[in-house]
Amino acid sequence: MNKYETLVDRLREQIAANIWQVGDKLPSLREQAVYSGMSLMTVMHAYQILESQGWIISRPQSGYYIAPKAGFLTTPATHQQVQPAEQVDINAFIFDVLQASRDQSIVPFGSAFPDPSLFPRQQLARSLTTVARTMTPLSAVDNLPPGNEDLRNTIAKRYALQGMQISPEEIVITAGAMESLNLSLQAVTEPGDWVIVENPAFYGALQALERLKLKAVAIATHPQFGIDLDALENALAAYPVKACWVMTNSQNPLGCTLSDEKKRQLVALLQQYRVHLIEDDVYSELYFGADKPLPAKAYDRLGMAMHCSSFSKNLVAGFRVGWVAAGEMAGKIQRLQLMTTLSTSAPMQLALANYLATRSYDRHLRRLRRLLEQRKNSAWQSLHAHLPPAARINYSHSGYFLWIELPAHISATELYHRALRQKISIAPGKMFSAGGQYNNYFRFNTSYAWDERYERAVIALADIIKQML
């Protein structure tokens, strides 16, 4: 056994034995080298392996800490791996839940959006003021589809930093990620077509299928490892699927990120069956590790993957500016956009292009990721302390959601209604499945600064669950 493997095993055993508690700071690389008698490079290698396995997390300019422990959630039985649905009917329930989240007096554990105080509002306001002074009557025309040229060039350069060659001509600016996703879906389907979605899935995908009168094939998605590729292949062989809508990074609601190898296999499998990939990647900037995860689009060689993202979850929600790197479908998506919303708001496009030119974006993202990680850890620790042992918490090293499983006989929808009466919102699992398989689960937003109000709300939520048990 190599020296670094010896240190990895030793630290794993200590963490498993609770010698090191969640949130504890490990000795620095140099301190560990002295304690263990190993070289600095050996210790660094061991720490990197432990981080990749989810045992520890690194915080820039701070060190390494013991990571929260992921719960072992129940996964669907074999017969549930593929769930067809001839009709999707979920929008009314989702609307009611989202409307409740608008009440400022309610603790927003059910919100889909991060804490707005995390965003650089003053800098964005300055950019908006600047472009308002310089806009001309031609600005609206200049920013028609495919969108603002400077903004598309900036996005293309950010792809290039990950080693991806995405031409600005392939990028279409949209009114948020939801428009890019809906336009992508429209571009490759007709009413009555079959579309692959995850199970559980982001409710926006289910709403889009309902609106466009499409049929869903829901594929079981593991809380840790993501979509089941074997089940996906079975569905592709059994149904005339036209598109596959997948969240590859920090999946909502689970939080899982597909490995690079799984992304490569996903793209290859879909291309084998000539099925377009619609990649929902709005959380890709909210990773906690050292490296930004690649999208599945990076492995697309045929132009059949449409990579959709936005600035709403990591910079500013109210501007409603997103994009799609649309591959071979770029022209069709532009024509569809002209027939629906016409174009994305010209002032918002110009303001974002102005802000991104200041080079403040990456500094903001580093701060955002650090705060989201700290807040997620705080929320996990509070839930772990107060929820009954029968509740299981799925922790992921990205984003700002926790996915929580209750005993099978407990309805998260009933929990939602009871909690709402106490001014607490959650996102019940019914929102994320066309077939109702996740009614004993709920999604929990961790992005808000942890204080006494949120701690009391967790205690109240735990009390309700205990009463229901």
Protein backbone atom coordinates (compact mmCIF):
# COMPACT_ATOMS: atom_id res chain seq x y z
CA MET A 1 0.00 0.00 0.00
CA ASN A 2 1.29 3.46 -0.92
CA LYS A 3 1.85 6.02 1.82
CA TYR A 4 -0.96 8.29 0.63
CA GLU A 5 -3.37 5.30 0.69
CA THR A 6 -2.35 4.59 4.28
CA LEU A 7 -3.16 8.18 5.26
CA VAL A 8 -6.48 8.09 3.33
CA ASP A 9 -7.54 4.89 5.14
CA ARG A 10 -6.47 6.25 8.52
CA LEU A 11 -8.42 9.50 8.14
CA ARG A 12 -11.51 7.71 6.78
CA GLU A 13 -11.53 5.43 9.81
CA GLN A 14 -11.17 8.42 12.14
CA ILE A 15 -14.04 10.25 10.42
CA ALA A 16 -16.24 7.14 10.53
CA ALA A 17 -15.47 6.78 14.24
CA ASN A 18 -16.55 10.42 14.81
CA ILE A 19 -13.09 11.39 16.01
CA TRP A 20 -13.41 14.16 13.45
CA GLN A 21 -16.90 15.75 13.49
CA VAL A 22 -18.72 17.42 10.63
CA GLY A 23 -17.34 20.94 10.21
CA ASP A 24 -14.06 20.24 12.03
CA LYS A 25 -10.97 21.69 10.40
CA LEU A 26 -8.26 19.14 9.58
CA PRO A 27 -4.59 19.90 10.24
CA SER A 28 -3.05 21.93 7.42
CA LEU A 29 -1.01 20.14 4.79
CA ARG A 30 2.23 21.10 6.53
CA GLU A 31 0.93 20.15 9.98
CA GLN A 32 -0.28 16.78 8.70
CA ALA A 33 3.09 16.20 7.04
CA VAL A 34 4.81 16.75 10.40
CA TYR A 35 2.33 14.55 12.32
CA SER A 36 2.42 11.68 9.82
CA GLY A 37 6.07 11.87 8.83
CA MET A 38 5.01 11.95 5.18
CA SER A 39 5.99 14.42 2.48
CA LEU A 40 3.89 17.48 1.69
CA MET A 41 3.02 16.04 -1.76
CA THR A 42 1.89 12.74 -0.20
CA VAL A 43 -0.43 14.54 2.22
CA MET A 44 -1.78 16.74 -0.55
CA HIS A 45 -2.52 13.67 -2.67
CA ALA A 46 -4.34 12.00 0.25
CA TYR A 47 -6.42 15.11 0.95
CA GLN A 48 -7.35 15.41 -2.73
CA ILE A 49 -8.55 11.80 -2.78
CA LEU A 50 -10.60 12.30 0.38
CA GLU A 51 -12.15 15.41 -1.15
CA SER A 52 -13.01 13.62 -4.39
CA GLN A 53 -14.72 10.88 -2.34
CA GLY A 54 -16.79 13.41 -0.39
CA TRP A 55 -15.15 12.87 3.02
CA ILE A 56 -13.67 16.37 3.28
CA ILE A 57 -14.16 19.73 1.58
CA SER A 58 -11.64 22.47 0.83
CA ARG A 59 -12.30 26.13 1.45
CA PRO A 60 -10.08 28.61 -0.41
CA GLN A 61 -7.52 30.33 1.83
CA SER A 62 -8.92 28.47 4.83
CA GLY A 63 -8.06 24.77 4.64
CA TYR A 64 -9.78 21.38 4.67
CA TYR A 65 -12.90 20.53 6.70
CA ILE A 66 -14.92 17.40 7.44
CA ALA A 67 -17.82 17.30 4.97
CA PRO A 68 -21.45 16.72 5.93
CA LYS A 69 -22.45 13.09 5.51
CA ALA A 70 -24.83 12.20 2.73
CA GLY A 71 -27.82 10.16 3.78
CA PHE A 72 -28.49 6.79 2.13
CA LEU A 73 -31.88 7.40 0.61
CA THR A 74 -34.20 4.72 -0.65
CA THR A 75 -33.90 4.23 -4.41
CA PRO A 76 -36.81 3.14 -6.63
CA ALA A 77 -37.50 -0.56 -7.02
CA THR A 78 -36.51 -2.17 -10.32
CA HIS A 79 -40.02 -2.00 -11.77
CA GLN A 80 -40.04 1.75 -11.17
CA GLN A 81 -36.90 2.51 -13.18
CA VAL A 82 -38.94 3.58 -16.22
CA GLN A 83 -42.26 5.37 -15.69
CA PRO A 84 -44.23 6.36 -18.80
CA ALA A 85 -46.91 9.04 -18.54
CA GLU A 86 -49.29 9.63 -21.46
CA GLN A 87 -50.37 12.93 -19.92
CA VAL A 88 -48.58 15.31 -17.54
CA ASP A 89 -50.87 17.28 -15.21
CA ILE A 90 -48.85 18.99 -12.49
CA ASN A 91 -48.95 22.73 -13.19
CA ALA A 92 -51.85 23.72 -10.91
CA PHE A 93 -50.20 22.23 -7.82
CA ILE A 94 -46.82 23.80 -8.66
CA PHE A 95 -48.49 27.19 -9.13
CA ASP A 96 -50.07 27.03 -5.67
CA VAL A 97 -46.73 26.16 -4.00
CA LEU A 98 -44.82 28.91 -5.82
CA GLN A 99 -47.48 31.49 -5.00
CA ALA A 100 -47.14 30.69 -1.29
CA SER A 101 -43.40 31.37 -1.49
CA ARG A 102 -44.04 35.01 -2.42
CA ASP A 103 -45.23 35.89 1.10
CA GLN A 104 -42.31 37.69 2.79
CA SER A 105 -43.48 36.57 6.24
CA ILE A 106 -42.94 32.90 5.33
CA VAL A 107 -39.60 31.17 5.98
CA PRO A 108 -38.66 30.27 2.38
CA PHE A 109 -37.28 26.74 2.69
CA GLY A 110 -39.45 25.88 -0.32
CA SER A 111 -38.12 28.64 -2.56
CA ALA A 112 -36.39 27.70 -5.82
CA PHE A 113 -34.24 30.86 -5.80
CA PRO A 114 -31.12 31.65 -3.79
CA ASP A 115 -31.12 34.41 -1.18
CA PRO A 116 -31.28 37.64 -3.29
CA SER A 117 -28.94 39.41 -0.86
CA LEU A 118 -26.14 37.21 -2.26
CA PHE A 119 -26.23 39.07 -5.58
CA PRO A 120 -24.14 42.20 -6.45
CA ARG A 121 -27.17 44.45 -6.80
CA GLN A 122 -25.35 47.79 -6.62
CA GLN A 123 -22.85 46.88 -9.34
CA LEU A 124 -25.62 45.58 -11.59
CA ALA A 125 -27.66 48.73 -10.97
CA ARG A 126 -24.67 50.83 -12.05
CA SER A 127 -24.36 48.81 -15.24
CA LEU A 128 -28.08 49.23 -15.93
CA THR A 129 -27.81 53.00 -15.35
CA THR A 130 -24.80 53.21 -17.67
CA VAL A 131 -26.50 51.44 -20.56
CA ALA A 132 -29.74 53.39 -20.05
CA ARG A 133 -27.78 56.58 -20.77
CA THR A 134 -26.13 55.20 -23.90
CA MET A 135 -29.00 53.24 -25.51
CA THR A 136 -30.15 54.37 -28.93
CA PRO A 137 -33.35 53.66 -30.90
CA LEU A 138 -31.38 50.97 -32.74
CA SER A 139 -30.49 49.08 -29.56
CA ALA A 140 -33.67 47.00 -29.66
CA VAL A 141 -32.93 45.95 -33.25
CA ASP A 142 -29.27 45.21 -32.50
CA ASN A 143 -30.31 42.85 -29.70
CA LEU A 144 -32.87 40.79 -31.61
CA PRO A 145 -32.15 37.04 -31.88
CA PRO A 146 -29.59 35.63 -31.58
CA GLY A 147 -28.99 38.42 -29.02
CA ASN A 148 -26.36 40.93 -27.95
CA GLU A 149 -23.07 40.24 -29.72
CA ASP A 150 -20.82 41.25 -26.80
CA LEU A 151 -22.79 39.05 -24.41
CA ARG A 152 -22.60 36.06 -26.76
CA ASN A 153 -18.87 36.58 -27.23
CA THR A 154 -18.36 36.66 -23.46
CA ILE A 155 -20.32 33.42 -23.00
CA ALA A 156 -18.34 31.77 -25.81
CA LYS A 157 -15.07 32.75 -24.10
CA ARG A 158 -16.26 31.20 -20.84
CA TYR A 159 -16.92 27.96 -22.70
CA ALA A 160 -13.41 28.23 -24.16
CA LEU A 161 -11.93 28.41 -20.66
CA GLN A 162 -13.28 24.88 -20.15
CA GLY A 163 -11.76 23.69 -23.40
CA MET A 164 -15.04 23.87 -25.36
CA GLN A 165 -15.25 25.41 -28.82
CA ILE A 166 -18.69 27.01 -28.93
CA SER A 167 -19.09 29.70 -31.59
CA PRO A 168 -20.97 32.88 -30.64
CA GLU A 169 -23.12 32.17 -33.70
CA GLU A 170 -24.35 29.00 -32.00
CA ILE A 171 -25.47 30.90 -28.88
CA VAL A 172 -29.00 32.35 -28.62
CA ILE A 173 -29.77 34.77 -25.77
CA THR A 174 -33.14 34.06 -24.15
CA ALA A 175 -35.47 35.40 -21.47
CA GLY A 176 -34.01 33.17 -18.76
CA ALA A 177 -33.17 29.48 -18.87
CA MET A 178 -36.83 28.45 -18.98
CA GLU A 179 -37.25 30.09 -22.38
CA SER A 180 -34.08 28.46 -23.68
CA LEU A 181 -35.29 25.06 -22.45
CA ASN A 182 -38.82 25.50 -23.82
CA LEU A 183 -37.58 26.72 -27.20
CA SER A 184 -35.14 23.81 -27.40
CA LEU A 185 -37.97 21.38 -26.63
CA GLN A 186 -40.24 22.99 -29.25
CA ALA A 187 -37.47 22.83 -31.84
CA VAL A 188 -37.23 19.03 -31.77
CA THR A 189 -40.75 17.83 -30.83
CA GLU A 190 -44.38 17.91 -31.94
CA PRO A 191 -47.44 17.46 -29.67
CA GLY A 192 -47.79 13.80 -28.72
CA ASP A 193 -44.06 13.02 -28.88
CA TRP A 194 -42.25 11.15 -26.11
CA VAL A 195 -39.60 12.99 -24.05
CA ILE A 196 -37.22 11.55 -21.46
CA VAL A 197 -37.15 13.31 -18.09
CA GLU A 198 -35.50 12.42 -14.80
CA ASN A 199 -37.45 11.03 -11.85
CA PRO A 200 -37.54 13.10 -9.71
CA ALA A 201 -37.28 15.97 -12.20
CA PHE A 202 -37.16 19.75 -12.08
CA TYR A 203 -40.82 20.75 -12.11
CA GLY A 204 -40.19 23.22 -14.97
CA ALA A 205 -39.58 20.25 -17.25
CA LEU A 206 -42.93 18.73 -16.24
CA GLN A 207 -44.70 22.07 -16.79
CA ALA A 208 -43.14 22.40 -20.25
CA LEU A 209 -44.30 18.92 -21.25
CA GLU A 210 -47.80 19.68 -20.01
CA ARG A 211 -47.96 22.95 -21.95
CA LEU A 212 -46.65 21.42 -25.19
CA LYS A 213 -48.86 18.31 -24.86
CA LEU A 214 -45.88 15.95 -24.80
CA LYS A 215 -45.65 12.51 -23.21
CA ALA A 216 -43.08 11.80 -20.49
CA VAL A 217 -40.84 8.80 -19.94
CA ALA A 218 -39.47 9.31 -16.43
CA ILE A 219 -36.15 7.59 -15.70
CA ALA A 220 -35.12 6.82 -12.11
CA THR A 221 -32.40 9.20 -10.94
CA HIS A 222 -30.15 8.25 -8.03
CA PRO A 223 -29.55 10.85 -5.26
CA GLN A 224 -25.78 10.33 -5.51
CA PHE A 225 -25.07 9.10 -9.05
CA GLY A 226 -27.78 10.64 -11.22
CA ILE A 227 -29.82 9.21 -14.07
CA ASP A 228 -29.85 5.41 -14.54
CA LEU A 229 -28.26 4.85 -17.95
CA ASP A 230 -29.39 1.21 -18.19
CA ALA A 231 -32.99 2.26 -17.64
CA LEU A 232 -32.48 5.10 -20.12
CA GLU A 233 -31.30 2.68 -22.80
CA ASN A 234 -34.30 0.42 -22.16
CA ALA A 235 -36.62 3.42 -22.59
CA LEU A 236 -34.89 4.53 -25.79
CA ALA A 237 -35.33 1.03 -27.22
CA ALA A 238 -39.00 0.84 -26.19
CA TYR A 239 -40.33 4.31 -27.05
CA PRO A 240 -39.96 6.64 -30.08
CA VAL A 241 -38.23 9.32 -27.98
CA LYS A 242 -37.46 12.69 -29.59
CA ALA A 243 -35.66 14.52 -26.77
CA CYS A 244 -34.04 13.96 -23.37
CA TRP A 245 -34.20 16.77 -20.75
CA VAL A 246 -31.51 16.21 -18.10
CA MET A 247 -29.82 18.31 -15.40
CA THR A 248 -26.23 17.09 -15.42
CA ASN A 249 -24.78 19.35 -12.71
CA SER A 250 -26.33 19.96 -9.27
CA GLN A 251 -29.62 18.37 -10.29
CA ASN A 252 -32.79 19.95 -8.92
CA PRO A 253 -34.12 18.61 -6.54
CA LEU A 254 -31.49 15.94 -5.72
CA GLY A 255 -28.31 18.01 -6.06
CA CYS A 256 -26.28 15.23 -7.72
CA THR A 257 -23.70 15.86 -10.45
CA LEU A 258 -22.96 13.28 -13.12
CA SER A 259 -19.35 12.12 -13.43
CA ASP A 260 -17.48 13.06 -16.60
CA GLU A 261 -17.58 9.45 -17.73
CA LYS A 262 -21.34 9.25 -17.20
CA LYS A 263 -21.84 12.46 -19.18
CA ARG A 264 -19.81 10.99 -22.01
CA GLN A 265 -21.87 7.79 -21.93
CA LEU A 266 -25.12 9.77 -21.81
CA VAL A 267 -24.24 11.74 -24.96
CA ALA A 268 -23.07 8.62 -26.81
CA LEU A 269 -26.25 6.73 -25.93
CA LEU A 270 -28.55 9.52 -27.05
CA GLN A 271 -26.66 10.01 -30.29
CA GLN A 272 -26.85 6.27 -30.97
CA TYR A 273 -30.65 6.62 -30.97
CA ARG A 274 -30.59 10.06 -32.68
CA VAL A 275 -32.22 11.72 -29.69
CA HIS A 276 -31.50 15.38 -28.93
CA LEU A 277 -30.14 16.25 -25.49
CA ILE A 278 -31.65 19.29 -23.78
CA GLU A 279 -29.15 19.99 -21.00
CA ASP A 280 -30.48 22.13 -18.16
CA ASP A 281 -27.32 23.50 -16.52
CA VAL A 282 -28.42 26.54 -14.51
CA TYR A 283 -26.45 25.52 -11.39
CA SER A 284 -23.09 24.76 -13.03
CA GLU A 285 -21.36 27.76 -11.40
CA LEU A 286 -22.45 26.68 -7.89
CA TYR A 287 -19.94 23.85 -7.40
CA PHE A 288 -18.00 23.58 -4.13
CA GLY A 289 -14.77 21.94 -5.29
CA ALA A 290 -11.74 23.38 -7.04
CA ASP A 291 -12.86 22.74 -10.62
CA LYS A 292 -16.00 23.69 -12.50
CA PRO A 293 -17.73 20.55 -13.81
CA LEU A 294 -17.99 20.15 -17.57
CA PRO A 295 -21.41 20.00 -19.19
CA ALA A 296 -22.39 16.96 -21.22
CA LYS A 297 -22.32 19.33 -24.21
CA ALA A 298 -18.50 19.04 -24.04
CA TYR A 299 -18.81 15.48 -25.40
CA ASP A 300 -21.21 16.32 -28.24
CA ARG A 301 -19.58 15.87 -31.65
CA LEU A 302 -22.75 15.92 -33.77
CA GLY A 303 -24.31 19.21 -32.63
CA MET A 304 -27.31 17.39 -31.12
CA ALA A 305 -26.88 18.70 -27.56
CA MET A 306 -28.50 22.00 -26.58
CA HIS A 307 -26.81 23.46 -23.51
CA CYS A 308 -29.16 25.79 -21.61
CA SER A 309 -28.16 28.06 -18.75
CA SER A 310 -28.74 31.52 -17.31
CA PHE A 311 -27.50 34.18 -14.91
CA SER A 312 -30.62 33.89 -12.72
CA LYS A 313 -29.28 31.45 -10.11
CA ASN A 314 -25.78 32.89 -9.75
CA LEU A 315 -25.94 36.61 -10.53
CA VAL A 316 -29.36 38.19 -10.79
CA ALA A 317 -32.82 36.62 -10.95
CA GLY A 318 -34.81 39.67 -12.03
CA PHE A 319 -32.99 40.35 -15.29
CA ARG A 320 -34.30 37.07 -16.79
CA VAL A 321 -31.37 36.55 -19.17
CA GLY A 322 -30.31 33.07 -20.22
CA TRP A 323 -28.96 31.37 -23.28
CA VAL A 324 -28.75 28.16 -25.24
CA ALA A 325 -25.69 26.84 -27.05
CA ALA A 326 -27.91 25.24 -29.61
CA GLY A 327 -25.66 23.37 -32.02
CA GLU A 328 -27.47 22.47 -35.23
CA MET A 329 -30.76 23.87 -33.90
CA ALA A 330 -29.57 27.49 -33.41
CA GLY A 331 -31.34 28.83 -36.50
CA LYS A 332 -34.65 27.13 -35.71
CA ILE A 333 -34.58 28.33 -32.10
CA GLN A 334 -34.04 31.92 -33.26
CA ARG A 335 -37.07 31.67 -35.56
CA LEU A 336 -39.19 30.21 -32.75
CA GLN A 337 -38.13 33.02 -30.43
CA LEU A 338 -39.12 35.66 -33.00
CA MET A 339 -42.59 34.08 -33.14
CA THR A 340 -43.08 34.08 -29.34
CA THR A 341 -41.25 36.61 -27.14
CA LEU A 342 -39.60 38.35 -30.15
CA SER A 343 -36.37 38.90 -28.16
CA THR A 344 -34.82 39.17 -24.73
CA SER A 345 -34.98 42.61 -23.08
CA ALA A 346 -32.36 44.81 -24.75
CA PRO A 347 -31.53 46.87 -21.61
CA MET A 348 -30.98 43.70 -19.57
CA GLN A 349 -28.72 42.18 -22.22
CA LEU A 350 -26.70 45.39 -22.46
CA ALA A 351 -26.43 45.74 -18.67
CA LEU A 352 -25.15 42.17 -18.29
CA ALA A 353 -22.63 42.67 -21.10
CA ASN A 354 -21.46 45.83 -19.34
CA TYR A 355 -21.14 44.12 -15.95
CA LEU A 356 -19.30 41.09 -17.33
CA ALA A 357 -16.79 43.42 -18.99
CA THR A 358 -15.75 44.72 -15.53
CA ARG A 359 -14.23 41.31 -14.64
CA SER A 360 -16.11 41.34 -11.31
CA TYR A 361 -18.13 38.24 -12.15
CA ASP A 362 -15.59 35.59 -11.17
CA ARG A 363 -14.80 37.38 -7.91
CA HIS A 364 -18.52 37.41 -7.14
CA LEU A 365 -18.83 33.70 -8.01
CA ARG A 366 -15.99 32.73 -5.66
CA ARG A 367 -17.68 34.57 -2.80
CA LEU A 368 -21.08 33.13 -3.71
CA ARG A 369 -19.81 29.55 -3.72
CA ARG A 370 -18.06 30.01 -0.39
CA LEU A 371 -21.18 31.43 1.28
CA LEU A 372 -23.51 28.81 -0.21
CA GLU A 373 -21.26 26.03 1.05
CA GLN A 374 -21.10 27.51 4.55
CA ARG A 375 -24.86 28.01 4.68
CA LYS A 376 -25.58 24.54 3.35
CA ASN A 377 -23.37 23.06 6.05
CA SER A 378 -25.19 25.10 8.73
CA ALA A 379 -28.59 23.99 7.46
CA TRP A 380 -27.50 20.35 7.29
CA GLN A 381 -26.20 20.45 10.86
CA SER A 382 -29.46 21.98 12.13
CA LEU A 383 -31.63 19.48 10.29
CA HIS A 384 -29.43 16.60 11.39
CA ALA A 385 -29.75 17.74 14.99
CA HIS A 386 -33.53 18.27 15.05
CA LEU A 387 -35.20 15.96 12.54
CA PRO A 388 -36.22 12.54 13.83
CA PRO A 389 -33.80 9.70 12.96
CA ALA A 390 -36.37 8.29 10.53
CA ALA A 391 -35.75 11.27 8.21
CA ARG A 392 -32.84 10.92 5.79
CA ILE A 393 -30.97 13.87 4.32
CA ASN A 394 -29.23 13.73 0.95
CA TYR A 395 -26.22 16.09 0.95
CA SER A 396 -24.46 17.10 -2.29
CA HIS A 397 -21.32 19.18 -2.74
CA SER A 398 -22.88 21.91 -4.85
CA GLY A 399 -25.85 24.23 -5.03
CA TYR A 400 -28.26 25.13 -2.24
CA PHE A 401 -30.77 22.28 -2.00
CA LEU A 402 -31.10 19.33 0.34
CA TRP A 403 -33.39 16.43 -0.59
CA ILE A 404 -35.03 14.86 2.44
CA GLU A 405 -36.77 11.49 2.66
CA LEU A 406 -39.49 10.82 5.25
CA PRO A 407 -40.88 7.41 6.18
CA ALA A 408 -43.05 6.00 3.39
CA HIS A 409 -46.35 6.60 5.19
CA ILE A 410 -45.67 10.32 5.77
CA SER A 411 -47.07 12.69 3.13
CA ALA A 412 -44.77 15.61 2.38
CA THR A 413 -47.76 17.35 0.81
CA GLU A 414 -49.59 17.17 4.15
CA LEU A 415 -46.37 18.35 5.83
CA TYR A 416 -46.28 21.28 3.41
CA HIS A 417 -49.81 22.36 4.32
CA ARG A 418 -49.21 22.00 8.07
CA ALA A 419 -45.90 23.88 7.90
CA LEU A 420 -47.44 26.66 5.80
CA ARG A 421 -49.93 27.31 8.56
CA GLN A 422 -46.90 28.05 10.75
CA LYS A 423 -45.40 30.36 8.08
CA ILE A 424 -42.83 27.81 6.87
CA SER A 425 -42.60 26.66 3.28
CA ILE A 426 -41.06 23.51 1.84
CA ALA A 427 -41.13 22.08 -1.69
CA PRO A 428 -43.00 18.73 -1.46
CA GLY A 429 -41.87 15.84 -3.65
CA LYS A 430 -45.16 15.81 -5.56
CA MET A 431 -43.81 18.82 -7.48
CA PHE A 432 -41.01 16.78 -9.00
CA SER A 433 -42.75 13.68 -10.36
CA ALA A 434 -45.51 13.12 -12.89
CA GLY A 435 -46.37 9.81 -11.23
CA GLY A 436 -46.43 10.78 -7.55
CA GLN A 437 -43.64 8.40 -6.47
CA TYR A 438 -41.93 10.98 -4.25
CA ASN A 439 -44.76 12.06 -1.99
CA ASN A 440 -42.71 11.27 1.13
CA TYR A 441 -39.83 13.55 0.08
CA PHE A 442 -39.28 17.30 0.12
CA ARG A 443 -36.69 19.79 -1.11
CA PHE A 444 -35.13 22.26 1.31
CA ASN A 445 -33.49 25.60 0.34
CA THR A 446 -30.26 26.26 2.31
CA SER A 447 -29.13 29.54 0.72
CA TYR A 448 -30.24 31.93 3.47
CA ALA A 449 -27.91 33.21 6.21
CA TRP A 450 -28.53 30.95 9.19
CA ASP A 451 -29.92 32.73 12.23
CA GLU A 452 -32.38 32.18 15.09
CA ARG A 453 -35.41 32.59 12.82
CA TYR A 454 -34.33 29.73 10.58
CA GLU A 455 -33.25 27.57 13.52
CA ARG A 456 -36.69 28.00 15.14
CA ALA A 457 -38.33 27.15 11.82
CA VAL A 458 -36.36 23.90 11.56
CA ILE A 459 -37.35 22.98 15.12
CA ALA A 460 -41.01 23.71 14.31
CA LEU A 461 -40.77 21.65 11.10
CA ALA A 462 -39.21 18.77 13.03
CA ASP A 463 -42.00 18.94 15.61
CA ILE A 464 -44.63 18.65 12.88
CA ILE A 465 -42.88 15.60 11.41
CA LYS A 466 -42.70 13.99 14.86
CA GLN A 467 -46.43 14.59 15.33
CA MET A 468 -47.12 12.96 11.96
CA LEU A 469 -44.99 9.97 12.92
